[in-house]
Amino acid sequence: MTADQMSIANALRAAHDDHDAVVKLTQELVRIPSRGGVDSYDPVLDYVAAWLGEHDLKVRRLTAAGGMTVALVCEVTGARPGPRYVLDACLDTAPYGDEAAWSYPPTSGELVDGWLHGRGASDSKAGVAIFAHVLARLQAAREQLHGGVVLLLDVDEHTGAFGGAKAYFEGPDAPDHVDGVMIGYPGIAHVVTGGRGVLRARLHVHGVASHSGGRASTPSAIAKAATLIGALGDVELPPTAGEDFPLPAKLTVTAITGGEGYSTVPDLCTLNVDVRLTPALDGQAAEDLLRSTAIAVDAAWPGTQPTHIEITTRWPAYRLGEGSAVKTALLQAAAAAGLSTAAKIAGPSNIGNYLAGLGIEATAGFGVDYVGLHGTDERIRTASIPMIQAVYHHALLTLLSAR
């Protein structure tokens, strides 16, 4: 048996030994409501902090403006110098939706026929439980490690604010270097090694206010906004960037706000526009496209103020190269464990895009088998847990071995 085969065998053995404990921790976390922007995060953060403390892992709390805790950080430092890698998983969740439609309550943590039910089971409380156990295993082996591993458990993720990640990577105590990040989003078939970026904008479209029953008619901001929506729908976006980035760009109007009551012609209508970016359509090109389309519509509506474009989010598309250490380590560890796991470019954006903007490589998904992420009856297949834990454990031991 080679050293690599022995390492994955030991990681699998450890993961099977931890299996019941990982399931139990996942259940307990699911039973603590932590919907982003809805529930207090303190109960779930306190629970995990206590668990880490019981396993001799020193926990640091990161706070946002106003003193709210937005992340827990725990670091295992090896006996020898080397790189620093981050395991990141979020503790907050999506909302429940229609609770009456669930087979079991969203905070039940119910185990049925090998499936653990509840909001956040897949995104990403199972990831939290797995990473916590991996870190405990690495703590016991720290004398053999070259470098270190950080466990980052963040909240404020599902709000889109990413307060926990920003507090760690850009806060006053940000690390001097991070060599790679592995994010514990679910899905056993792929290691997500890239994703479309995103440009989000509010387009403030102007008309001229007047009484809707008046003798004279004035330009309605809603009617003008409808013209702009049609023009945006007719825009031809560039095709894919080829095999290296096979997904096309995409533009979607996601919200319309304007008008009030019945008796006033509205003078303002705001559109939310989401543009998914690729190497063929970067953030600047997408912004230019929005501006040129708005200018053309403004010209056809004389007497109205020009459309004001407010950019709210700009994350680049990214794709990890063949030389990426985290990509290679995870794919090779999955192969060593007997999985047919492939690299994948994701359509949705994620924290990996944010990290790409900081120049930090990140995988953004390899995790438990799941159904119903962000939907009704979210659940995970508990039998998939040991394999995921073993792959991450083996990958980190490879990354932190002597070079």
Protein backbone atom coordinates (compact mmCIF):
# COMPACT_ATOMS: atom_id res chain seq x y z
CA MET A 1 0.00 0.00 0.00
CA THR A 2 1.39 3.40 -1.01
CA ALA A 3 1.53 6.36 1.36
CA ASP A 4 -1.34 7.97 -0.55
CA GLN A 5 -3.48 4.85 -0.29
CA MET A 6 -2.71 4.59 3.41
CA SER A 7 -3.65 8.23 3.93
CA ILE A 8 -7.07 7.93 2.27
CA ALA A 9 -7.71 4.63 4.06
CA ASN A 10 -6.96 6.26 7.41
CA ALA A 11 -9.12 9.26 6.54
CA LEU A 12 -12.03 6.99 5.60
CA ARG A 13 -11.63 5.03 8.82
CA ALA A 14 -11.66 8.25 10.87
CA ALA A 15 -14.69 9.55 9.00
CA HIS A 16 -16.67 6.37 9.63
CA ASP A 17 -15.70 6.58 13.31
CA ASP A 18 -16.99 10.17 13.38
CA HIS A 19 -20.15 9.49 11.39
CA ASP A 20 -22.68 9.32 14.22
CA ALA A 21 -21.19 12.44 15.82
CA VAL A 22 -21.31 14.38 12.56
CA VAL A 23 -24.96 13.42 12.02
CA LYS A 24 -25.79 14.43 15.60
CA LEU A 25 -24.06 17.81 15.26
CA THR A 26 -25.83 18.45 11.95
CA GLN A 27 -29.18 17.63 13.55
CA GLU A 28 -28.54 19.97 16.46
CA LEU A 29 -27.55 22.80 14.12
CA VAL A 30 -30.63 22.31 11.92
CA ARG A 31 -32.80 22.52 15.04
CA ILE A 32 -31.50 26.02 15.77
CA PRO A 33 -33.26 28.57 13.51
CA SER A 34 -30.70 30.80 11.78
CA ARG A 35 -32.40 32.27 8.72
CA GLY A 36 -30.35 35.03 7.18
CA GLY A 37 -31.69 38.44 8.14
CA VAL A 38 -34.56 36.89 10.15
CA ASP A 39 -33.30 34.98 13.19
CA SER A 40 -30.66 35.93 15.72
CA TYR A 41 -27.39 34.22 14.86
CA ASP A 42 -26.18 34.08 18.46
CA PRO A 43 -27.76 30.74 19.44
CA VAL A 44 -26.22 28.78 16.55
CA LEU A 45 -22.87 30.56 16.91
CA ASP A 46 -22.82 29.88 20.66
CA TYR A 47 -23.63 26.20 20.11
CA VAL A 48 -20.79 25.67 17.65
CA ALA A 49 -18.35 27.71 19.73
CA ALA A 50 -19.11 25.48 22.71
CA TRP A 51 -18.61 22.32 20.60
CA LEU A 52 -15.25 23.54 19.33
CA GLY A 53 -14.17 24.49 22.84
CA GLU A 54 -15.04 21.01 24.09
CA HIS A 55 -12.69 19.64 21.41
CA ASP A 56 -9.75 21.80 22.54
CA LEU A 57 -10.08 24.22 19.64
CA LYS A 58 -9.64 27.89 20.43
CA VAL A 59 -12.40 30.04 18.94
CA ARG A 60 -12.24 33.69 17.92
CA ARG A 61 -15.39 35.72 17.20
CA LEU A 62 -15.45 38.28 14.40
CA THR A 63 -17.85 41.20 14.66
CA ALA A 64 -19.34 43.66 12.22
CA ALA A 65 -20.08 47.32 12.79
CA GLY A 66 -22.47 47.50 15.71
CA GLY A 67 -20.87 44.55 17.49
CA MET A 68 -22.87 41.72 15.92
CA THR A 69 -20.91 38.46 15.67
CA VAL A 70 -20.70 37.49 12.00
CA ALA A 71 -18.23 34.60 12.09
CA LEU A 72 -16.35 32.12 14.21
CA VAL A 73 -12.68 31.48 13.39
CA CYS A 74 -10.61 28.59 14.61
CA GLU A 75 -7.06 27.85 13.42
CA VAL A 76 -4.87 24.77 13.69
CA THR A 77 -1.21 25.63 13.17
CA GLY A 78 1.26 22.91 12.27
CA ALA A 79 4.65 22.46 13.91
CA ARG A 80 6.41 23.53 10.72
CA PRO A 81 5.92 26.62 8.52
CA GLY A 82 3.87 26.31 5.36
CA PRO A 83 0.74 27.48 3.56
CA ARG A 84 -2.57 28.48 5.12
CA TYR A 85 -5.83 27.02 3.83
CA VAL A 86 -9.36 27.95 4.89
CA LEU A 87 -12.38 25.68 5.29
CA ASP A 88 -15.46 27.89 4.97
CA ALA A 89 -19.10 26.98 5.62
CA CYS A 90 -22.05 29.17 6.52
CA LEU A 91 -24.26 28.77 9.58
CA ASP A 92 -27.12 30.93 8.41
CA THR A 93 -29.77 29.58 6.05
CA ALA A 94 -32.34 30.47 3.43
CA PRO A 95 -35.93 31.21 4.61
CA TYR A 96 -38.43 28.38 5.08
CA GLY A 97 -41.03 29.33 2.49
CA ASP A 98 -44.43 27.72 3.07
CA GLU A 99 -43.88 25.69 6.24
CA ALA A 100 -47.18 23.84 5.71
CA ALA A 101 -45.76 22.33 2.52
CA TRP A 102 -42.91 20.59 4.37
CA SER A 103 -43.18 16.88 5.17
CA TYR A 104 -41.39 17.60 8.46
CA PRO A 105 -40.92 20.98 10.14
CA PRO A 106 -37.95 22.94 8.77
CA THR A 107 -36.16 22.75 12.13
CA SER A 108 -36.99 19.11 12.84
CA GLY A 109 -33.64 17.52 11.97
CA GLU A 110 -35.74 14.43 11.35
CA LEU A 111 -33.94 11.26 10.21
CA VAL A 112 -36.04 9.21 7.79
CA ASP A 113 -34.76 6.32 5.66
CA GLY A 114 -31.21 7.63 5.66
CA TRP A 115 -32.14 11.26 4.96
CA LEU A 116 -31.74 14.13 7.44
CA HIS A 117 -34.45 16.76 6.90
CA GLY A 118 -34.43 20.46 7.63
CA ARG A 119 -33.54 23.92 6.40
CA GLY A 120 -29.81 24.34 6.15
CA ALA A 121 -29.07 20.62 6.29
CA SER A 122 -27.36 20.87 2.91
CA ASP A 123 -26.51 24.59 2.81
CA SER A 124 -24.42 24.34 4.81
CA LYS A 125 -24.83 22.90 8.30
CA ALA A 126 -23.64 19.44 7.27
CA GLY A 127 -20.58 21.19 5.85
CA VAL A 128 -20.05 22.92 9.20
CA ALA A 129 -20.27 19.61 11.08
CA ILE A 130 -17.91 17.85 8.66
CA PHE A 131 -15.34 20.66 8.70
CA ALA A 132 -15.45 20.85 12.50
CA HIS A 133 -14.60 17.16 12.75
CA VAL A 134 -11.86 17.47 10.12
CA LEU A 135 -10.32 20.31 12.13
CA ALA A 136 -10.44 18.25 15.32
CA ARG A 137 -8.62 15.44 13.50
CA LEU A 138 -5.97 17.85 12.19
CA GLN A 139 -5.51 19.32 15.66
CA ALA A 140 -4.53 15.88 16.90
CA ALA A 141 -1.98 15.58 14.07
CA ARG A 142 -0.63 19.14 14.10
CA GLU A 143 2.94 18.04 14.86
CA GLN A 144 3.09 16.53 11.38
CA LEU A 145 1.62 19.52 9.54
CA HIS A 146 3.51 22.08 7.45
CA GLY A 147 1.35 25.19 7.64
CA GLY A 148 -2.15 25.52 8.99
CA VAL A 149 -5.88 25.26 8.47
CA VAL A 150 -8.48 27.87 9.41
CA LEU A 151 -12.10 26.98 10.05
CA LEU A 152 -14.29 29.94 9.08
CA LEU A 153 -17.94 29.57 10.03
CA ASP A 154 -19.76 32.61 8.77
CA VAL A 155 -23.24 34.07 8.96
CA ASP A 156 -24.83 36.93 7.04
CA GLU A 157 -24.22 34.84 3.90
CA HIS A 158 -27.78 34.21 2.75
CA THR A 159 -28.55 37.92 3.04
CA GLY A 160 -26.03 38.51 0.25
CA ALA A 161 -24.00 40.80 2.53
CA PHE A 162 -21.33 38.15 3.25
CA GLY A 163 -20.50 39.90 6.49
CA GLY A 164 -18.63 36.95 7.99
CA ALA A 165 -16.38 36.37 4.99
CA LYS A 166 -15.65 40.07 4.63
CA ALA A 167 -14.83 40.39 8.33
CA TYR A 168 -12.24 37.62 8.03
CA PHE A 169 -10.65 38.39 4.67
CA GLU A 170 -10.82 42.21 4.82
CA GLY A 171 -11.28 43.06 8.50
CA PRO A 172 -8.73 44.73 10.79
CA ASP A 173 -7.25 41.34 11.74
CA ALA A 174 -7.23 39.89 8.21
CA PRO A 175 -4.55 37.22 7.69
CA ASP A 176 -1.35 38.23 5.92
CA HIS A 177 -1.82 35.41 3.44
CA VAL A 178 -4.33 32.74 2.46
CA ASP A 179 -3.20 30.12 -0.06
CA GLY A 180 -6.63 28.76 -0.86
CA VAL A 181 -10.18 28.31 0.37
CA MET A 182 -12.49 25.29 0.23
CA ILE A 183 -16.18 26.16 0.65
CA GLY A 184 -18.46 23.44 1.96
CA TYR A 185 -21.44 23.88 -0.36
CA PRO A 186 -23.19 20.55 -1.07
CA GLY A 187 -23.02 18.25 -4.09
CA ILE A 188 -20.97 15.08 -4.40
CA ALA A 189 -20.75 14.83 -8.19
CA HIS A 190 -18.59 17.90 -8.79
CA VAL A 191 -15.85 20.06 -7.35
CA VAL A 192 -16.91 23.58 -8.29
CA THR A 193 -13.79 25.29 -9.60
CA GLY A 194 -15.27 28.45 -11.05
CA GLY A 195 -18.44 30.37 -11.62
CA ARG A 196 -20.10 33.11 -13.56
CA GLY A 197 -19.61 36.51 -12.03
CA VAL A 198 -22.38 38.97 -11.36
CA LEU A 199 -23.12 42.64 -11.94
CA ARG A 200 -26.21 43.90 -10.15
CA ALA A 201 -27.67 47.32 -10.74
CA ARG A 202 -30.68 49.47 -9.93
CA LEU A 203 -31.89 51.44 -12.93
CA HIS A 204 -33.81 54.52 -11.78
CA VAL A 205 -36.09 55.45 -14.69
CA HIS A 206 -37.67 58.92 -14.70
CA GLY A 207 -40.96 60.22 -16.03
CA VAL A 208 -42.99 63.37 -15.33
CA ALA A 209 -45.54 63.40 -12.52
CA SER A 210 -49.07 64.65 -13.09
CA HIS A 211 -52.69 63.84 -12.23
CA SER A 212 -53.74 60.66 -14.03
CA GLY A 213 -57.12 62.23 -14.79
CA GLY A 214 -55.74 65.55 -16.00
CA ARG A 215 -56.43 66.99 -19.43
CA ALA A 216 -52.74 66.78 -20.47
CA SER A 217 -50.75 63.55 -20.50
CA THR A 218 -47.18 63.33 -19.20
CA PRO A 219 -44.59 60.55 -19.70
CA SER A 220 -45.09 57.75 -17.22
CA ALA A 221 -41.93 56.38 -15.61
CA ILE A 222 -43.54 52.92 -15.60
CA ALA A 223 -44.27 53.04 -19.33
CA LYS A 224 -40.72 54.22 -20.01
CA ALA A 225 -39.35 51.47 -17.75
CA ALA A 226 -41.40 48.92 -19.72
CA THR A 227 -39.75 50.18 -22.91
CA LEU A 228 -36.33 49.81 -21.27
CA ILE A 229 -37.16 46.26 -20.13
CA GLY A 230 -38.06 45.38 -23.70
CA ALA A 231 -34.83 46.89 -24.99
CA LEU A 232 -32.78 44.96 -22.43
CA GLY A 233 -34.57 41.77 -23.47
CA ASP A 234 -33.53 42.36 -27.08
CA VAL A 235 -29.83 42.83 -26.27
CA GLU A 236 -27.59 40.20 -27.81
CA LEU A 237 -25.12 38.92 -25.25
CA PRO A 238 -21.81 37.41 -26.33
CA PRO A 239 -21.63 33.61 -26.62
CA THR A 240 -19.60 31.40 -24.31
CA ALA A 241 -15.86 31.77 -24.00
CA GLY A 242 -15.39 28.23 -25.31
CA GLU A 243 -14.49 25.03 -23.50
CA ASP A 244 -12.55 26.87 -20.81
CA PHE A 245 -15.75 28.64 -19.72
CA PRO A 246 -18.75 26.94 -21.30
CA LEU A 247 -21.55 29.03 -19.75
CA PRO A 248 -23.03 32.06 -21.54
CA ALA A 249 -23.70 35.48 -20.05
CA LYS A 250 -27.25 36.15 -18.88
CA LEU A 251 -29.32 39.29 -18.16
CA THR A 252 -32.48 39.25 -16.02
CA VAL A 253 -34.77 42.01 -14.77
CA THR A 254 -35.58 40.72 -11.30
CA ALA A 255 -37.72 43.46 -9.70
CA ILE A 256 -39.81 46.50 -10.64
CA THR A 257 -40.79 49.21 -8.16
CA GLY A 258 -42.81 52.29 -9.07
CA GLY A 259 -46.02 54.20 -8.71
CA GLU A 260 -48.48 54.58 -5.88
CA GLY A 261 -52.26 54.59 -5.73
CA TYR A 262 -54.30 55.46 -8.84
CA SER A 263 -54.40 59.21 -9.34
CA THR A 264 -50.77 60.05 -10.06
CA VAL A 265 -48.70 59.47 -13.20
CA PRO A 266 -45.46 58.10 -11.69
CA ASP A 267 -42.24 60.05 -12.15
CA LEU A 268 -39.92 57.26 -10.94
CA CYS A 269 -39.70 53.52 -11.57
CA THR A 270 -36.76 51.42 -10.41
CA LEU A 271 -35.63 48.18 -12.05
CA ASN A 272 -33.33 45.62 -10.48
CA VAL A 273 -31.13 44.02 -13.12
CA ASP A 274 -28.94 40.95 -12.60
CA VAL A 275 -26.24 40.27 -15.22
CA ARG A 276 -24.26 37.02 -15.02
CA LEU A 277 -20.71 37.65 -16.19
CA THR A 278 -18.28 35.49 -18.13
CA PRO A 279 -14.82 36.09 -19.61
CA ALA A 280 -16.68 37.13 -22.78
CA LEU A 281 -18.73 39.75 -20.87
CA ASP A 282 -16.89 41.22 -17.91
CA GLY A 283 -18.21 43.73 -15.41
CA GLN A 284 -17.18 46.83 -17.35
CA ALA A 285 -18.67 45.51 -20.59
CA ALA A 286 -21.93 44.68 -18.78
CA GLU A 287 -22.10 48.16 -17.24
CA ASP A 288 -21.42 49.75 -20.62
CA LEU A 289 -24.22 47.64 -22.12
CA LEU A 290 -26.71 48.82 -19.49
CA ARG A 291 -25.70 52.44 -19.96
CA SER A 292 -25.86 52.40 -23.77
CA THR A 293 -29.28 50.72 -23.71
CA ALA A 294 -30.60 53.24 -21.19
CA ILE A 295 -29.23 56.17 -23.23
CA ALA A 296 -31.00 54.90 -26.35
CA VAL A 297 -34.33 54.63 -24.50
CA ASP A 298 -33.88 58.05 -22.86
CA ALA A 299 -33.43 59.59 -26.30
CA ALA A 300 -36.85 58.30 -27.36
CA TRP A 301 -38.50 59.89 -24.30
CA PRO A 302 -37.87 63.64 -24.58
CA GLY A 303 -38.71 65.78 -21.61
CA THR A 304 -37.68 63.14 -19.08
CA GLN A 305 -34.54 62.99 -16.96
CA PRO A 306 -31.92 60.44 -18.02
CA THR A 307 -31.93 57.05 -16.36
CA HIS A 308 -29.61 56.82 -13.37
CA ILE A 309 -27.71 53.55 -13.01
CA GLU A 310 -26.62 52.49 -9.53
CA ILE A 311 -24.20 49.55 -9.44
CA THR A 312 -24.75 47.52 -6.24
CA THR A 313 -22.60 44.40 -6.78
CA ARG A 314 -19.68 43.59 -9.06
CA TRP A 315 -17.98 40.21 -8.81
CA PRO A 316 -15.79 38.79 -11.57
CA ALA A 317 -16.25 35.45 -13.26
CA TYR A 318 -13.49 33.05 -12.31
CA ARG A 319 -12.03 29.69 -13.20
CA LEU A 320 -9.25 27.92 -11.33
CA GLY A 321 -6.34 26.98 -13.56
CA GLU A 322 -4.74 23.58 -13.90
CA GLY A 323 -2.04 24.61 -11.43
CA SER A 324 -4.48 25.37 -8.62
CA ALA A 325 -3.41 23.56 -5.46
CA VAL A 326 -6.87 23.37 -3.88
CA LYS A 327 -8.51 22.18 -7.10
CA THR A 328 -5.87 19.50 -7.67
CA ALA A 329 -5.86 18.31 -4.06
CA LEU A 330 -9.65 17.89 -3.87
CA LEU A 331 -9.99 16.17 -7.25
CA GLN A 332 -7.12 13.81 -6.53
CA ALA A 333 -8.47 13.03 -3.06
CA ALA A 334 -11.91 12.28 -4.51
CA ALA A 335 -10.34 9.97 -7.08
CA ALA A 336 -8.30 8.23 -4.38
CA ALA A 337 -11.56 7.63 -2.49
CA GLY A 338 -13.06 5.99 -5.58
CA LEU A 339 -15.35 8.85 -6.64
CA SER A 340 -15.89 9.92 -10.25
CA THR A 341 -15.90 13.60 -9.36
CA ALA A 342 -15.38 16.21 -12.07
CA ALA A 343 -14.50 19.89 -12.05
CA LYS A 344 -17.41 22.20 -12.82
CA ILE A 345 -18.03 25.86 -13.65
CA ALA A 346 -21.15 26.95 -11.75
CA GLY A 347 -23.90 29.15 -13.12
CA PRO A 348 -24.73 30.97 -9.85
CA SER A 349 -22.18 33.25 -8.23
CA ASN A 350 -20.90 32.53 -4.75
CA ILE A 351 -18.22 33.48 -2.23
CA GLY A 352 -15.67 32.02 -4.65
CA ASN A 353 -16.31 34.98 -6.95
CA TYR A 354 -15.83 37.40 -4.07
CA LEU A 355 -12.54 35.68 -3.20
CA ALA A 356 -11.43 35.76 -6.83
CA GLY A 357 -11.74 39.53 -6.64
CA LEU A 358 -9.26 39.40 -3.75
CA GLY A 359 -6.90 37.15 -5.70
CA ILE A 360 -7.63 34.08 -3.52
CA GLU A 361 -8.27 30.68 -5.12
CA ALA A 362 -11.39 28.87 -3.94
CA THR A 363 -13.36 25.75 -4.64
CA ALA A 364 -17.04 26.50 -4.11
CA GLY A 365 -18.73 23.20 -3.67
CA PHE A 366 -17.99 19.59 -2.94
CA GLY A 367 -20.20 18.22 -0.24
CA VAL A 368 -22.98 15.94 0.84
CA ASP A 369 -25.60 14.47 -1.47
CA TYR A 370 -28.78 16.51 -1.15
CA VAL A 371 -32.29 17.30 -2.35
CA GLY A 372 -34.23 20.57 -2.09
CA LEU A 373 -31.54 23.14 -1.46
CA HIS A 374 -33.36 26.41 -0.60
CA GLY A 375 -36.62 24.59 -1.36
CA THR A 376 -39.31 22.60 0.41
CA ASP A 377 -38.13 19.43 2.22
CA GLU A 378 -34.43 20.22 2.06
CA ARG A 379 -32.54 17.11 3.13
CA ILE A 380 -29.21 15.30 2.92
CA ARG A 381 -28.27 11.64 2.45
CA THR A 382 -26.38 10.85 5.64
CA ALA A 383 -24.51 7.91 4.07
CA SER A 384 -22.62 10.44 1.91
CA ILE A 385 -21.08 12.18 4.93
CA PRO A 386 -18.05 9.91 5.60
CA MET A 387 -16.82 10.06 2.00
CA ILE A 388 -16.96 13.86 1.97
CA GLN A 389 -15.14 14.12 5.29
CA ALA A 390 -12.44 11.70 4.18
CA VAL A 391 -11.81 13.56 0.92
CA TYR A 392 -11.34 16.92 2.65
CA HIS A 393 -9.20 15.34 5.36
CA HIS A 394 -6.96 13.60 2.83
CA ALA A 395 -6.74 16.70 0.61
CA LEU A 396 -5.59 18.87 3.52
CA LEU A 397 -3.02 16.34 4.66
CA THR A 398 -1.65 16.37 1.11
CA LEU A 399 -1.57 20.17 0.96
CA LEU A 400 0.14 20.41 4.36
CA SER A 401 2.69 17.67 3.83
CA ALA A 402 6.43 18.30 3.37
CA ARG A 403 7.28 19.86 0.02
